[in-house]
PDB file of all heavy atoms in Angstrom:
ATOM      1  N   ALA A   1       0.817  -1.227   0.000  1.00  0.00           N
ATOM      2  CA  ALA A   1       0.000   0.000   0.000  1.00  0.00           C
ATOM      3  C   ALA A   1       0.844   1.267   0.000  1.00  0.00           C
ATOM      4  O   ALA A   1       0.556   2.213   0.732  1.00  0.00           O
ATOM      5  CB  ALA A   1      -0.941  -0.014   1.207  1.00  0.00           C
ATOM      6  N   PHE A   2       1.884   1.313  -0.812  1.00  0.00           N
ATOM      7  CA  PHE A   2       2.634   2.568  -0.938  1.00  0.00           C
ATOM      8  C   PHE A   2       1.718   3.711  -1.384  1.00  0.00           C
ATOM      9  O   PHE A   2       1.943   4.860  -1.032  1.00  0.00           O
ATOM     10  CB  PHE A   2       3.763   2.413  -1.971  1.00  0.00           C
ATOM     11  CG  PHE A   2       4.970   1.670  -1.452  1.00  0.00           C
ATOM     12  CD1 PHE A   2       6.039   1.410  -2.288  1.00  0.00           C
ATOM     13  CD2 PHE A   2       5.044   1.247  -0.144  1.00  0.00           C
ATOM     14  CE1 PHE A   2       7.160   0.738  -1.833  1.00  0.00           C
ATOM     15  CE2 PHE A   2       6.154   0.575   0.338  1.00  0.00           C
ATOM     16  CZ  PHE A   2       7.219   0.314  -0.509  1.00  0.00           C
ATOM     17  N   SER A   3       0.709   3.381  -2.170  1.00  0.00           N
ATOM     18  CA  SER A   3      -0.233   4.392  -2.691  1.00  0.00           C
ATOM     19  C   SER A   3      -1.630   4.180  -2.132  1.00  0.00           C
ATOM     20  O   SER A   3      -2.633   4.488  -2.772  1.00  0.00           O
ATOM     21  CB  SER A   3      -0.273   4.334  -4.225  1.00  0.00           C
ATOM     22  OG  SER A   3       1.009   4.436  -4.770  1.00  0.00           O
ATOM     23  N   GLY A   4      -1.715   3.644  -0.913  1.00  0.00           N
ATOM     24  CA  GLY A   4      -3.015   3.312  -0.353  1.00  0.00           C
ATOM     25  C   GLY A   4      -3.535   2.010  -0.942  1.00  0.00           C
ATOM     26  O   GLY A   4      -2.827   1.299  -1.659  1.00  0.00           O
ATOM     27  N   LEU A   5      -4.772   1.698  -0.636  1.00  0.00           N
ATOM     28  CA  LEU A   5      -5.389   0.462  -1.128  1.00  0.00           C
ATOM     29  C   LEU A   5      -6.620   0.807  -1.958  1.00  0.00           C
ATOM     30  O   LEU A   5      -7.512   1.519  -1.492  1.00  0.00           O
ATOM     31  CB  LEU A   5      -5.774  -0.443   0.047  1.00  0.00           C
ATOM     32  CG  LEU A   5      -4.588  -1.048   0.809  1.00  0.00           C
ATOM     33  CD1 LEU A   5      -5.047  -1.629   2.140  1.00  0.00           C
ATOM     34  CD2 LEU A   5      -3.893  -2.113  -0.028  1.00  0.00           C
ATOM     35  N   GLN A   6      -6.652   0.297  -3.174  1.00  0.00           N
ATOM     36  CA  GLN A   6      -7.739   0.600  -4.101  1.00  0.00           C
ATOM     37  C   GLN A   6      -8.853  -0.451  -3.946  1.00  0.00           C
ATOM     38  O   GLN A   6      -8.918  -1.154  -2.956  1.00  0.00           O
ATOM     39  CB  GLN A   6      -7.187   0.653  -5.527  1.00  0.00           C
ATOM     40  CG  GLN A   6      -6.209   1.816  -5.747  1.00  0.00           C
ATOM     41  CD  GLN A   6      -4.850   1.602  -5.086  1.00  0.00           C
ATOM     42  OE1 GLN A   6      -4.244   0.535  -5.215  1.00  0.00           O
ATOM     43  NE2 GLN A   6      -4.358   2.607  -4.377  1.00  0.00           N
ATOM     44  N   ALA A   7      -9.713  -0.552  -4.940  1.00  0.00           N
ATOM     45  CA  ALA A   7     -10.892  -1.427  -4.865  1.00  0.00           C
ATOM     46  C   ALA A   7     -10.485  -2.854  -4.493  1.00  0.00           C
ATOM     47  O   ALA A   7      -9.441  -3.337  -4.914  1.00  0.00           O
ATOM     48  CB  ALA A   7     -11.615  -1.426  -6.213  1.00  0.00           C
ATOM     49  N   PRO A   8     -11.333  -3.527  -3.712  1.00  0.00           N
ATOM     50  CA  PRO A   8     -12.598  -3.074  -3.130  1.00  0.00           C
ATOM     51  C   PRO A   8     -12.439  -2.428  -1.750  1.00  0.00           C
ATOM     52  O   PRO A   8     -13.431  -2.138  -1.080  1.00  0.00           O
ATOM     53  CB  PRO A   8     -13.379  -4.381  -3.006  1.00  0.00           C
ATOM     54  CG  PRO A   8     -12.317  -5.396  -2.672  1.00  0.00           C
ATOM     55  CD  PRO A   8     -11.092  -4.968  -3.460  1.00  0.00           C
ATOM     56  N   ILE A   9     -11.183  -2.201  -1.314  1.00  0.00           N
ATOM     57  CA  ILE A   9     -10.949  -1.630   0.009  1.00  0.00           C
ATOM     58  C   ILE A   9     -11.174  -0.124  -0.021  1.00  0.00           C
ATOM     59  O   ILE A   9     -11.794   0.448   0.865  1.00  0.00           O
ATOM     60  CB  ILE A   9      -9.514  -1.963   0.487  1.00  0.00           C
ATOM     61  CG1 ILE A   9      -9.288  -3.472   0.407  1.00  0.00           C
ATOM     62  CG2 ILE A   9      -9.287  -1.475   1.903  1.00  0.00           C
ATOM     63  CD1 ILE A   9      -7.842  -3.876   0.338  1.00  0.00           C
ATOM     64  N   ASN A  10     -10.614   0.514  -1.063  1.00  0.00           N
ATOM     65  CA  ASN A  10     -10.828   1.944  -1.293  1.00  0.00           C
ATOM     66  C   ASN A  10     -10.455   2.788  -0.077  1.00  0.00           C
ATOM     67  O   ASN A  10     -11.255   3.565   0.442  1.00  0.00           O
ATOM     68  CB  ASN A  10     -12.291   2.203  -1.697  1.00  0.00           C
ATOM     69  CG  ASN A  10     -12.675   1.456  -2.959  1.00  0.00           C
ATOM     70  OD1 ASN A  10     -11.966   1.505  -3.956  1.00  0.00           O
ATOM     71  ND2 ASN A  10     -13.788   0.736  -2.916  1.00  0.00           N
ATOM     72  N   ASN A  11      -9.218   2.596   0.367  1.00  0.00           N
ATOM     73  CA  ASN A  11      -8.730   3.329   1.528  1.00  0.00           C
ATOM     74  C   ASN A  11      -7.411   3.997   1.177  1.00  0.00           C
ATOM     75  O   ASN A  11      -6.356   3.366   1.183  1.00  0.00           O
ATOM     76  CB  ASN A  11      -8.565   2.363   2.712  1.00  0.00           C
ATOM     77  CG  ASN A  11      -8.332   3.104   4.020  1.00  0.00           C
ATOM     78  OD1 ASN A  11      -7.272   3.662   4.240  1.00  0.00           O
ATOM     79  ND2 ASN A  11      -9.323   3.109   4.892  1.00  0.00           N
ATOM     80  N   SER A  12      -7.474   5.289   0.863  1.00  0.00           N
ATOM     81  CA  SER A  12      -6.278   6.009   0.423  1.00  0.00           C
ATOM     82  C   SER A  12      -5.320   6.288   1.577  1.00  0.00           C
ATOM     83  O   SER A  12      -4.157   6.653   1.356  1.00  0.00           O
ATOM     84  CB  SER A  12      -6.673   7.324  -0.241  1.00  0.00           C
ATOM     85  OG  SER A  12      -7.341   8.168   0.680  1.00  0.00           O
ATOM     86  N   LYS A  13      -5.777   6.111   2.812  1.00  0.00           N
ATOM     87  CA  LYS A  13      -4.941   6.403   3.982  1.00  0.00           C
ATOM     88  C   LYS A  13      -4.280   5.159   4.560  1.00  0.00           C
ATOM     89  O   LYS A  13      -3.685   5.204   5.634  1.00  0.00           O
ATOM     90  CB  LYS A  13      -5.790   7.090   5.049  1.00  0.00           C
ATOM     91  CG  LYS A  13      -6.352   8.439   4.600  1.00  0.00           C
ATOM     92  CD  LYS A  13      -7.186   9.083   5.672  1.00  0.00           C
ATOM     93  CE  LYS A  13      -7.746  10.423   5.206  1.00  0.00           C
ATOM     94  NZ  LYS A  13      -8.584  11.066   6.244  1.00  0.00           N
ATOM     95  N   ALA A  14      -4.387   4.038   3.848  1.00  0.00           N
ATOM     96  CA  ALA A  14      -3.752   2.805   4.324  1.00  0.00           C
ATOM     97  C   ALA A  14      -2.235   2.911   4.198  1.00  0.00           C
ATOM     98  O   ALA A  14      -1.706   3.630   3.361  1.00  0.00           O
ATOM     99  CB  ALA A  14      -4.262   1.614   3.520  1.00  0.00           C
ATOM    100  N   ALA A  15      -1.549   2.167   5.050  1.00  0.00           N
ATOM    101  CA  ALA A  15      -0.084   2.155   5.042  1.00  0.00           C
ATOM    102  C   ALA A  15       0.415   0.802   4.549  1.00  0.00           C
ATOM    103  O   ALA A  15      -0.272  -0.215   4.647  1.00  0.00           O
ATOM    104  CB  ALA A  15       0.458   2.418   6.440  1.00  0.00           C
ATOM    105  N   ALA A  16       1.637   0.801   4.024  1.00  0.00           N
ATOM    106  CA  ALA A  16       2.304  -0.441   3.645  1.00  0.00           C
ATOM    107  C   ALA A  16       3.108  -0.959   4.821  1.00  0.00           C
ATOM    108  O   ALA A  16       3.566  -0.181   5.660  1.00  0.00           O
ATOM    109  CB  ALA A  16       3.223  -0.209   2.450  1.00  0.00           C
ATOM    110  N   GLY A  17       3.278  -2.265   4.896  1.00  0.00           N
ATOM    111  CA  GLY A  17       4.114  -2.794   5.973  1.00  0.00           C
ATOM    112  C   GLY A  17       3.975  -4.289   6.145  1.00  0.00           C
ATOM    113  O   GLY A  17       3.103  -4.933   5.561  1.00  0.00           O
ATOM    114  N   PHE A  18       4.874  -4.829   6.956  1.00  0.00           N
ATOM    115  CA  PHE A  18       4.851  -6.245   7.319  1.00  0.00           C
ATOM    116  C   PHE A  18       4.216  -6.400   8.692  1.00  0.00           C
ATOM    117  O   PHE A  18       4.336  -5.533   9.558  1.00  0.00           O
ATOM    118  CB  PHE A  18       6.274  -6.808   7.377  1.00  0.00           C
ATOM    119  CG  PHE A  18       6.972  -6.869   6.047  1.00  0.00           C
ATOM    120  CD1 PHE A  18       7.777  -5.824   5.620  1.00  0.00           C
ATOM    121  CD2 PHE A  18       6.834  -7.983   5.216  1.00  0.00           C
ATOM    122  CE1 PHE A  18       8.426  -5.875   4.402  1.00  0.00           C
ATOM    123  CE2 PHE A  18       7.481  -8.035   4.004  1.00  0.00           C
ATOM    124  CZ  PHE A  18       8.276  -6.978   3.588  1.00  0.00           C
ATOM    125  N   ILE A  19       3.574  -7.537   8.909  1.00  0.00           N
ATOM    126  CA  ILE A  19       3.046  -7.874  10.225  1.00  0.00           C
ATOM    127  C   ILE A  19       3.317  -9.364  10.473  1.00  0.00           C
ATOM    128  O   ILE A  19       3.277 -10.178   9.544  1.00  0.00           O
ATOM    129  CB  ILE A  19       1.536  -7.563  10.318  1.00  0.00           C
ATOM    130  CG1 ILE A  19       1.060  -7.576  11.761  1.00  0.00           C
ATOM    131  CG2 ILE A  19       0.704  -8.483   9.444  1.00  0.00           C
ATOM    132  CD1 ILE A  19      -0.341  -7.006  11.956  1.00  0.00           C
ATOM    133  N   GLY A  20       3.631  -9.686  11.724  1.00  0.00           N
ATOM    134  CA  GLY A  20       3.872 -11.086  12.078  1.00  0.00           C
ATOM    135  C   GLY A  20       5.330 -11.475  12.112  1.00  0.00           C
ATOM    136  O   GLY A  20       5.648 -12.666  12.218  1.00  0.00           O
ATOM    137  N   ILE A  21       6.249 -10.509  12.039  1.00  0.00           N
ATOM    138  CA  ILE A  21       7.682 -10.827  12.088  1.00  0.00           C
ATOM    139  C   ILE A  21       8.039 -11.338  13.484  1.00  0.00           C
ATOM    140  O   ILE A  21       7.602 -10.789  14.490  1.00  0.00           O
ATOM    141  CB  ILE A  21       8.524  -9.586  11.718  1.00  0.00           C
ATOM    142  CG1 ILE A  21       8.309  -9.238  10.235  1.00  0.00           C
ATOM    143  CG2 ILE A  21      10.005  -9.805  11.999  1.00  0.00           C
ATOM    144  CD1 ILE A  21       8.996  -7.977   9.776  1.00  0.00           C
ATOM    145  N   LYS A  22       8.851 -12.381  13.523  1.00  0.00           N
ATOM    146  CA  LYS A  22       9.199 -13.039  14.777  1.00  0.00           C
ATOM    147  C   LYS A  22      10.647 -13.528  14.732  1.00  0.00           C
ATOM    148  O   LYS A  22      11.297 -13.404  13.674  1.00  0.00           O
ATOM    149  CB  LYS A  22       8.226 -14.190  15.029  1.00  0.00           C
ATOM    150  CG  LYS A  22       8.115 -15.175  13.862  1.00  0.00           C
ATOM    151  CD  LYS A  22       7.051 -16.231  14.086  1.00  0.00           C
ATOM    152  CE  LYS A  22       5.666 -15.739  13.806  1.00  0.00           C
ATOM    153  NZ  LYS A  22       5.410 -15.508  12.366  1.00  0.00           N
ATOM    154  N   PRO A  23      11.188 -14.085  15.802  1.00  0.00           N
ATOM    155  CA  PRO A  23      12.593 -14.523  15.804  1.00  0.00           C
ATOM    156  C   PRO A  23      12.923 -15.575  14.750  1.00  0.00           C
ATOM    157  O   PRO A  23      14.073 -15.695  14.327  1.00  0.00           O
ATOM    158  CB  PRO A  23      12.791 -15.078  17.222  1.00  0.00           C
ATOM    159  CG  PRO A  23      11.788 -14.364  18.052  1.00  0.00           C
ATOM    160  CD  PRO A  23      10.602 -14.162  17.161  1.00  0.00           C
ATOM    161  N   THR A  24      11.912 -16.323  14.302  1.00  0.00           N
ATOM    162  CA  THR A  24      12.164 -17.363  13.296  1.00  0.00           C
ATOM    163  C   THR A  24      12.140 -16.825  11.867  1.00  0.00           C
ATOM    164  O   THR A  24      12.397 -17.562  10.913  1.00  0.00           O
ATOM    165  CB  THR A  24      11.102 -18.473  13.418  1.00  0.00           C
ATOM    166  OG1 THR A  24       9.788 -17.885  13.300  1.00  0.00           O
ATOM    167  CG2 THR A  24      11.219 -19.201  14.749  1.00  0.00           C
ATOM    168  N   THR A  25      11.827 -15.537  11.727  1.00  0.00           N
ATOM    169  CA  THR A  25      11.699 -14.940  10.396  1.00  0.00           C
ATOM    170  C   THR A  25      13.038 -14.892   9.672  1.00  0.00           C
ATOM    171  O   THR A  25      14.036 -14.430  10.224  1.00  0.00           O
ATOM    172  CB  THR A  25      11.137 -13.514  10.508  1.00  0.00           C
ATOM    173  OG1 THR A  25       9.837 -13.565  11.089  1.00  0.00           O
ATOM    174  CG2 THR A  25      11.043 -12.873   9.127  1.00  0.00           C
ATOM    175  N   LYS A  26      13.044 -15.346   8.451  1.00  0.00           N
ATOM    176  CA  LYS A  26      14.227 -15.269   7.591  1.00  0.00           C
ATOM    177  C   LYS A  26      13.895 -14.437   6.351  1.00  0.00           C
ATOM    178  O   LYS A  26      12.716 -14.158   6.066  1.00  0.00           O
ATOM    179  CB  LYS A  26      14.681 -16.671   7.181  1.00  0.00           C
ATOM    180  CG  LYS A  26      15.187 -17.519   8.350  1.00  0.00           C
ATOM    181  CD  LYS A  26      15.641 -18.889   7.874  1.00  0.00           C
ATOM    182  CE  LYS A  26      16.351 -19.648   8.993  1.00  0.00           C
ATOM    183  NZ  LYS A  26      15.491 -19.843  10.179  1.00  0.00           N
ATOM    184  N   LYS A  27      14.931 -14.072   5.624  1.00  0.00           N
ATOM    185  CA  LYS A  27      14.740 -13.262   4.425  1.00  0.00           C
ATOM    186  C   LYS A  27      13.766 -13.929   3.458  1.00  0.00           C
ATOM    187  O   LYS A  27      12.942 -13.254   2.821  1.00  0.00           O
ATOM    188  CB  LYS A  27      16.085 -13.020   3.738  1.00  0.00           C
ATOM    189  CG  LYS A  27      15.966 -12.164   2.484  1.00  0.00           C
ATOM    190  CD  LYS A  27      17.313 -11.843   1.868  1.00  0.00           C
ATOM    191  CE  LYS A  27      17.855 -13.018   1.078  1.00  0.00           C
ATOM    192  NZ  LYS A  27      19.045 -12.620   0.280  1.00  0.00           N
ATOM    193  N   MET A  28      13.850 -15.247   3.348  1.00  0.00           N
ATOM    194  CA  MET A  28      12.982 -15.964   2.408  1.00  0.00           C
ATOM    195  C   MET A  28      11.504 -15.770   2.748  1.00  0.00           C
ATOM    196  O   MET A  28      10.659 -15.651   1.863  1.00  0.00           O
ATOM    197  CB  MET A  28      13.313 -17.454   2.394  1.00  0.00           C
ATOM    198  CG  MET A  28      14.725 -17.756   1.925  1.00  0.00           C
ATOM    199  SD  MET A  28      15.940 -17.610   3.255  1.00  0.00           S
ATOM    200  CE  MET A  28      15.669 -19.168   4.104  1.00  0.00           C
ATOM    201  N   HIS A  29      11.189 -15.741   4.065  1.00  0.00           N
ATOM    202  CA  HIS A  29       9.798 -15.545   4.472  1.00  0.00           C
ATOM    203  C   HIS A  29       9.307 -14.143   4.086  1.00  0.00           C
ATOM    204  O   HIS A  29       8.172 -13.973   3.643  1.00  0.00           O
ATOM    205  CB  HIS A  29       9.664 -15.725   5.991  1.00  0.00           C
ATOM    206  CG  HIS A  29      10.015 -17.091   6.470  1.00  0.00           C
ATOM    207  ND1 HIS A  29      10.964 -17.319   7.433  1.00  0.00           N
ATOM    208  CD2 HIS A  29       9.551 -18.318   6.105  1.00  0.00           C
ATOM    209  CE1 HIS A  29      11.067 -18.618   7.664  1.00  0.00           C
ATOM    210  NE2 HIS A  29      10.219 -19.247   6.856  1.00  0.00           N
ATOM    211  N   ILE A  30      10.191 -13.159   4.267  1.00  0.00           N
ATOM    212  CA  ILE A  30       9.816 -11.781   3.941  1.00  0.00           C
ATOM    213  C   ILE A  30       9.571 -11.629   2.439  1.00  0.00           C
ATOM    214  O   ILE A  30       8.576 -11.032   2.014  1.00  0.00           O
ATOM    215  CB  ILE A  30      10.909 -10.807   4.424  1.00  0.00           C
ATOM    216  CG1 ILE A  30      10.930 -10.780   5.966  1.00  0.00           C
ATOM    217  CG2 ILE A  30      10.685  -9.407   3.869  1.00  0.00           C
ATOM    218  CD1 ILE A  30      12.046  -9.959   6.553  1.00  0.00           C
ATOM    219  N   VAL A  31      10.486 -12.187   1.645  1.00  0.00           N
ATOM    220  CA  VAL A  31      10.330 -12.106   0.187  1.00  0.00           C
ATOM    221  C   VAL A  31       9.069 -12.835  -0.253  1.00  0.00           C
ATOM    222  O   VAL A  31       8.290 -12.335  -1.076  1.00  0.00           O
ATOM    223  CB  VAL A  31      11.573 -12.675  -0.525  1.00  0.00           C
ATOM    224  CG1 VAL A  31      11.332 -12.787  -2.028  1.00  0.00           C
ATOM    225  CG2 VAL A  31      12.797 -11.805  -0.246  1.00  0.00           C
ATOM    226  N   ARG A  32       8.850 -14.013   0.314  1.00  0.00           N
ATOM    227  CA  ARG A  32       7.660 -14.789  -0.072  1.00  0.00           C
ATOM    228  C   ARG A  32       6.382 -14.038   0.294  1.00  0.00           C
ATOM    229  O   ARG A  32       5.428 -13.989  -0.495  1.00  0.00           O
ATOM    230  CB  ARG A  32       7.692 -16.154   0.609  1.00  0.00           C
ATOM    231  CG  ARG A  32       6.550 -17.075   0.157  1.00  0.00           C
ATOM    232  CD  ARG A  32       6.629 -18.433   0.813  1.00  0.00           C
ATOM    233  NE  ARG A  32       5.519 -19.273   0.410  1.00  0.00           N
ATOM    234  CZ  ARG A  32       5.613 -20.370  -0.321  1.00  0.00           C
ATOM    235  NH1 ARG A  32       6.798 -20.768  -0.762  1.00  0.00           N
ATOM    236  NH2 ARG A  32       4.545 -21.071  -0.636  1.00  0.00           N
ATOM    237  N   SER A  33       6.349 -13.426   1.467  1.00  0.00           N
ATOM    238  CA  SER A  33       5.140 -12.699   1.879  1.00  0.00           C
ATOM    239  C   SER A  33       4.878 -11.508   0.962  1.00  0.00           C
ATOM    240  O   SER A  33       3.715 -11.180   0.678  1.00  0.00           O
ATOM    241  CB  SER A  33       5.268 -12.235   3.327  1.00  0.00           C
ATOM    242  OG  SER A  33       6.240 -11.217   3.466  1.00  0.00           O
ATOM    243  N   LEU A  34       5.935 -10.870   0.488  1.00  0.00           N
ATOM    244  CA  LEU A  34       5.763  -9.746  -0.425  1.00  0.00           C
ATOM    245  C   LEU A  34       5.155 -10.209  -1.746  1.00  0.00           C
ATOM    246  O   LEU A  34       4.196  -9.609  -2.255  1.00  0.00           O
ATOM    247  CB  LEU A  34       7.108  -9.066  -0.665  1.00  0.00           C
ATOM    248  CG  LEU A  34       7.094  -7.708  -1.372  1.00  0.00           C
ATOM    249  CD1 LEU A  34       8.300  -6.873  -0.941  1.00  0.00           C
ATOM    250  CD2 LEU A  34       7.100  -7.843  -2.880  1.00  0.00           C
ATOM    251  N   LEU A  35       5.672 -11.307  -2.308  1.00  0.00           N
ATOM    252  CA  LEU A  35       5.138 -11.827  -3.568  1.00  0.00           C
ATOM    253  C   LEU A  35       3.704 -12.320  -3.393  1.00  0.00           C
ATOM    254  O   LEU A  35       2.849 -12.109  -4.257  1.00  0.00           O
ATOM    255  CB  LEU A  35       6.026 -12.949  -4.100  1.00  0.00           C
ATOM    256  CG  LEU A  35       7.483 -12.594  -4.419  1.00  0.00           C
ATOM    257  CD1 LEU A  35       8.179 -13.776  -5.094  1.00  0.00           C
ATOM    258  CD2 LEU A  35       7.577 -11.352  -5.301  1.00  0.00           C
ATOM    259  N   GLU A  36       3.448 -13.007  -2.257  1.00  0.00           N
ATOM    260  CA  GLU A  36       2.090 -13.487  -2.008  1.00  0.00           C
ATOM    261  C   GLU A  36       1.090 -12.341  -1.942  1.00  0.00           C
ATOM    262  O   GLU A  36      -0.044 -12.457  -2.425  1.00  0.00           O
ATOM    263  CB  GLU A  36       2.049 -14.276  -0.697  1.00  0.00           C
ATOM    264  CG  GLU A  36       2.718 -15.634  -0.768  1.00  0.00           C
ATOM    265  CD  GLU A  36       2.743 -16.352   0.573  1.00  0.00           C
ATOM    266  OE1 GLU A  36       2.574 -15.677   1.614  1.00  0.00           O
ATOM    267  OE2 GLU A  36       2.952 -17.575   0.578  1.00  0.00           O
ATOM    268  N   SER A  37       1.510 -11.218  -1.360  1.00  0.00           N
ATOM    269  CA  SER A  37       0.586 -10.090  -1.209  1.00  0.00           C
ATOM    270  C   SER A  37       0.106  -9.559  -2.556  1.00  0.00           C
ATOM    271  O   SER A  37      -1.029  -9.088  -2.679  1.00  0.00           O
ATOM    272  CB  SER A  37       1.254  -8.964  -0.415  1.00  0.00           C
ATOM    273  OG  SER A  37       2.209  -8.256  -1.201  1.00  0.00           O
ATOM    274  N   LEU A  38       0.966  -9.632  -3.584  1.00  0.00           N
ATOM    275  CA  LEU A  38       0.579  -9.159  -4.914  1.00  0.00           C
ATOM    276  C   LEU A  38      -0.531 -10.034  -5.496  1.00  0.00           C
ATOM    277  O   LEU A  38      -1.441  -9.532  -6.165  1.00  0.00           O
ATOM    278  CB  LEU A  38       1.800  -9.151  -5.842  1.00  0.00           C
ATOM    279  CG  LEU A  38       2.995  -8.334  -5.358  1.00  0.00           C
ATOM    280  CD1 LEU A  38       4.132  -8.394  -6.386  1.00  0.00           C
ATOM    281  CD2 LEU A  38       2.606  -6.893  -5.082  1.00  0.00           C
ATOM    282  N   VAL A  39      -0.470 -11.326  -5.210  1.00  0.00           N
ATOM    283  CA  VAL A  39      -1.522 -12.243  -5.675  1.00  0.00           C
ATOM    284  C   VAL A  39      -2.783 -12.075  -4.830  1.00  0.00           C
ATOM    285  O   VAL A  39      -3.903 -12.101  -5.352  1.00  0.00           O
ATOM    286  CB  VAL A  39      -1.022 -13.696  -5.635  1.00  0.00           C
ATOM    287  CG1 VAL A  39      -2.106 -14.654  -6.123  1.00  0.00           C
ATOM    288  CG2 VAL A  39       0.231 -13.861  -6.487  1.00  0.00           C
TER     289      VAL A  39
END
C-alpha cells in the first residue's frame, strides 16, 4: 500500500508494511510474503 489500497478496500490512507515478524523470520519468508501479497 505505498499508494493506499484501491478497490474493493478503497482506503487512500492505508499504510504499507509487514506484520507477524518473529525470531524465526528469515529473508525468504519476507520475500515470499511480499510476492504473495501481490496475488
